[in-house]
Amino acid sequence: DLAISVLIAFLWLVSTFVWAKALADIKVSTGASIIPGIQSCKAPGTACNFLSVTSMGILNVSVVFGLLNMILWAGNVWLIYKDTNLHN
């Protein structure tokens, strides 16, 4: 059914953008910018150093694949639309 396919493609698009936003928030929350907010790092005589964070490349790839999957869904919706009587 065309309506269900359109709905799924739309929900896939929305969920991809939500995941991309969540990934950006994860990167901010685990970056060097959090050190000034850590209470124990503010204690006198304490030095906090940010060494590194684990690579998040695979998470970036998951966002790209989500977007590519949405494009495939949109293509499927187009093909379903072309096969219905809605298209002349």
C-alpha atoms as a PDB file:
ATOM      1  CA  ASP A   1       0.000   0.000   0.000  1.00  0.00           C
ATOM      2  CA  LEU A   2       1.314   3.420  -0.989  1.00  0.00           C
ATOM      3  CA  ALA A   3       0.305   5.216   2.217  1.00  0.00           C
ATOM      4  CA  ILE A   4       2.132   2.724   4.428  1.00  0.00           C
ATOM      5  CA  SER A   5       5.278   2.955   2.295  1.00  0.00           C
ATOM      6  CA  VAL A   6       5.207   6.758   2.423  1.00  0.00           C
ATOM      7  CA  LEU A   7       4.746   6.644   6.182  1.00  0.00           C
ATOM      8  CA  ILE A   8       7.654   4.231   6.631  1.00  0.00           C
ATOM      9  CA  ALA A   9       9.929   6.346   4.414  1.00  0.00           C
ATOM     10  CA  PHE A  10       8.994   9.466   6.393  1.00  0.00           C
ATOM     11  CA  LEU A  11       9.540   7.760   9.747  1.00  0.00           C
ATOM     12  CA  TRP A  12      12.903   6.445   8.533  1.00  0.00           C
ATOM     13  CA  LEU A  13      13.916   9.983   7.562  1.00  0.00           C
ATOM     14  CA  VAL A  14      12.849  11.360  10.943  1.00  0.00           C
ATOM     15  CA  SER A  15      14.587   8.582  12.870  1.00  0.00           C
ATOM     16  CA  THR A  16      17.792   9.139  10.877  1.00  0.00           C
ATOM     17  CA  PHE A  17      17.793  12.827  11.793  1.00  0.00           C
ATOM     18  CA  VAL A  18      17.022  12.035  15.426  1.00  0.00           C
ATOM     19  CA  TRP A  19      19.915   9.553  15.544  1.00  0.00           C
ATOM     20  CA  ALA A  20      22.233  12.121  13.927  1.00  0.00           C
ATOM     21  CA  LYS A  21      21.245  14.688  16.584  1.00  0.00           C
ATOM     22  CA  ALA A  22      21.737  12.135  19.372  1.00  0.00           C
ATOM     23  CA  LEU A  23      25.166  11.269  17.979  1.00  0.00           C
ATOM     24  CA  ALA A  24      26.127  14.944  17.942  1.00  0.00           C
ATOM     25  CA  ASP A  25      24.983  15.222  21.578  1.00  0.00           C
ATOM     26  CA  ILE A  26      27.035  12.147  22.504  1.00  0.00           C
ATOM     27  CA  LYS A  27      30.114  13.710  20.930  1.00  0.00           C
ATOM     28  CA  VAL A  28      29.603  16.946  22.875  1.00  0.00           C
ATOM     29  CA  SER A  29      28.907  15.091  26.124  1.00  0.00           C
ATOM     30  CA  THR A  30      32.060  13.011  25.886  1.00  0.00           C
ATOM     31  CA  GLY A  31      34.422  15.677  24.558  1.00  0.00           C
ATOM     32  CA  ALA A  32      37.049  17.801  26.271  1.00  0.00           C
ATOM     33  CA  SER A  33      34.512  20.561  26.924  1.00  0.00           C
ATOM     34  CA  ILE A  34      33.077  18.626  29.896  1.00  0.00           C
ATOM     35  CA  ILE A  35      36.237  18.931  32.036  1.00  0.00           C
ATOM     36  CA  PRO A  36      35.450  22.406  33.424  1.00  0.00           C
ATOM     37  CA  GLY A  37      32.074  21.131  34.600  1.00  0.00           C
ATOM     38  CA  ILE A  38      33.437  18.201  36.606  1.00  0.00           C
ATOM     39  CA  GLN A  39      33.285  19.121  40.276  1.00  0.00           C
ATOM     40  CA  SER A  40      36.310  17.062  41.340  1.00  0.00           C
ATOM     41  CA  CYS A  41      38.465  18.808  38.718  1.00  0.00           C
ATOM     42  CA  LYS A  42      37.746  22.147  40.389  1.00  0.00           C
ATOM     43  CA  ALA A  43      39.380  21.102  43.671  1.00  0.00           C
ATOM     44  CA  PRO A  44      42.604  22.938  44.568  1.00  0.00           C
ATOM     45  CA  GLY A  45      45.728  21.045  43.577  1.00  0.00           C
ATOM     46  CA  THR A  46      43.852  18.840  41.142  1.00  0.00           C
ATOM     47  CA  ALA A  47      44.680  18.724  37.457  1.00  0.00           C
ATOM     48  CA  CYS A  48      42.370  17.001  34.991  1.00  0.00           C
ATOM     49  CA  ASN A  49      43.625  16.191  31.523  1.00  0.00           C
ATOM     50  CA  PHE A  50      41.621  15.051  28.545  1.00  0.00           C
ATOM     51  CA  LEU A  51      43.510  12.298  26.761  1.00  0.00           C
ATOM     52  CA  SER A  52      41.204  11.072  24.026  1.00  0.00           C
ATOM     53  CA  VAL A  53      37.818   9.683  23.239  1.00  0.00           C
ATOM     54  CA  THR A  54      37.100   6.469  21.405  1.00  0.00           C
ATOM     55  CA  SER A  55      36.663   6.879  17.670  1.00  0.00           C
ATOM     56  CA  MET A  56      33.043   7.327  16.696  1.00  0.00           C
ATOM     57  CA  GLY A  57      33.574   6.721  13.003  1.00  0.00           C
ATOM     58  CA  ILE A  58      31.363   3.655  12.968  1.00  0.00           C
ATOM     59  CA  LEU A  59      28.541   5.720  14.485  1.00  0.00           C
ATOM     60  CA  ASN A  60      28.953   8.295  11.724  1.00  0.00           C
ATOM     61  CA  VAL A  61      28.711   5.466   9.210  1.00  0.00           C
ATOM     62  CA  SER A  62      25.465   4.319  10.829  1.00  0.00           C
ATOM     63  CA  VAL A  63      23.950   7.772  10.224  1.00  0.00           C
ATOM     64  CA  VAL A  64      25.046   7.700   6.578  1.00  0.00           C
ATOM     65  CA  PHE A  65      23.607   4.220   6.080  1.00  0.00           C
ATOM     66  CA  GLY A  66      20.360   5.342   7.709  1.00  0.00           C
ATOM     67  CA  LEU A  67      20.103   8.185   5.225  1.00  0.00           C
ATOM     68  CA  LEU A  68      20.928   5.882   2.305  1.00  0.00           C
ATOM     69  CA  ASN A  69      18.274   3.444   3.513  1.00  0.00           C
ATOM     70  CA  MET A  70      15.732   6.266   3.581  1.00  0.00           C
ATOM     71  CA  ILE A  71      16.666   7.123  -0.018  1.00  0.00           C
ATOM     72  CA  LEU A  72      16.030   3.490  -0.980  1.00  0.00           C
ATOM     73  CA  TRP A  73      12.633   3.636   0.736  1.00  0.00           C
ATOM     74  CA  ALA A  74      11.809   6.838  -1.140  1.00  0.00           C
ATOM     75  CA  GLY A  75      12.752   5.113  -4.398  1.00  0.00           C
ATOM     76  CA  ASN A  76      10.475   2.214  -3.505  1.00  0.00           C
ATOM     77  CA  VAL A  77       7.644   4.641  -2.781  1.00  0.00           C
ATOM     78  CA  TRP A  78       8.182   6.219  -6.196  1.00  0.00           C
ATOM     79  CA  LEU A  79       8.038   2.829  -7.903  1.00  0.00           C
ATOM     80  CA  ILE A  80       4.874   1.884  -6.014  1.00  0.00           C
ATOM     81  CA  TYR A  81       3.342   5.231  -6.969  1.00  0.00           C
ATOM     82  CA  LYS A  82       4.198   4.619 -10.629  1.00  0.00           C
ATOM     83  CA  ASP A  83       2.456   1.222 -10.500  1.00  0.00           C
ATOM     84  CA  THR A  84      -0.792   2.566  -9.038  1.00  0.00           C
ATOM     85  CA  ASN A  85      -3.676   4.255 -10.784  1.00  0.00           C
ATOM     86  CA  LEU A  86      -2.696   7.538  -9.067  1.00  0.00           C
ATOM     87  CA  HIS A  87      -0.109   8.037 -11.800  1.00  0.00           C
ATOM     88  CA  ASN A  88      -1.299   8.642 -15.360  1.00  0.00           C
END
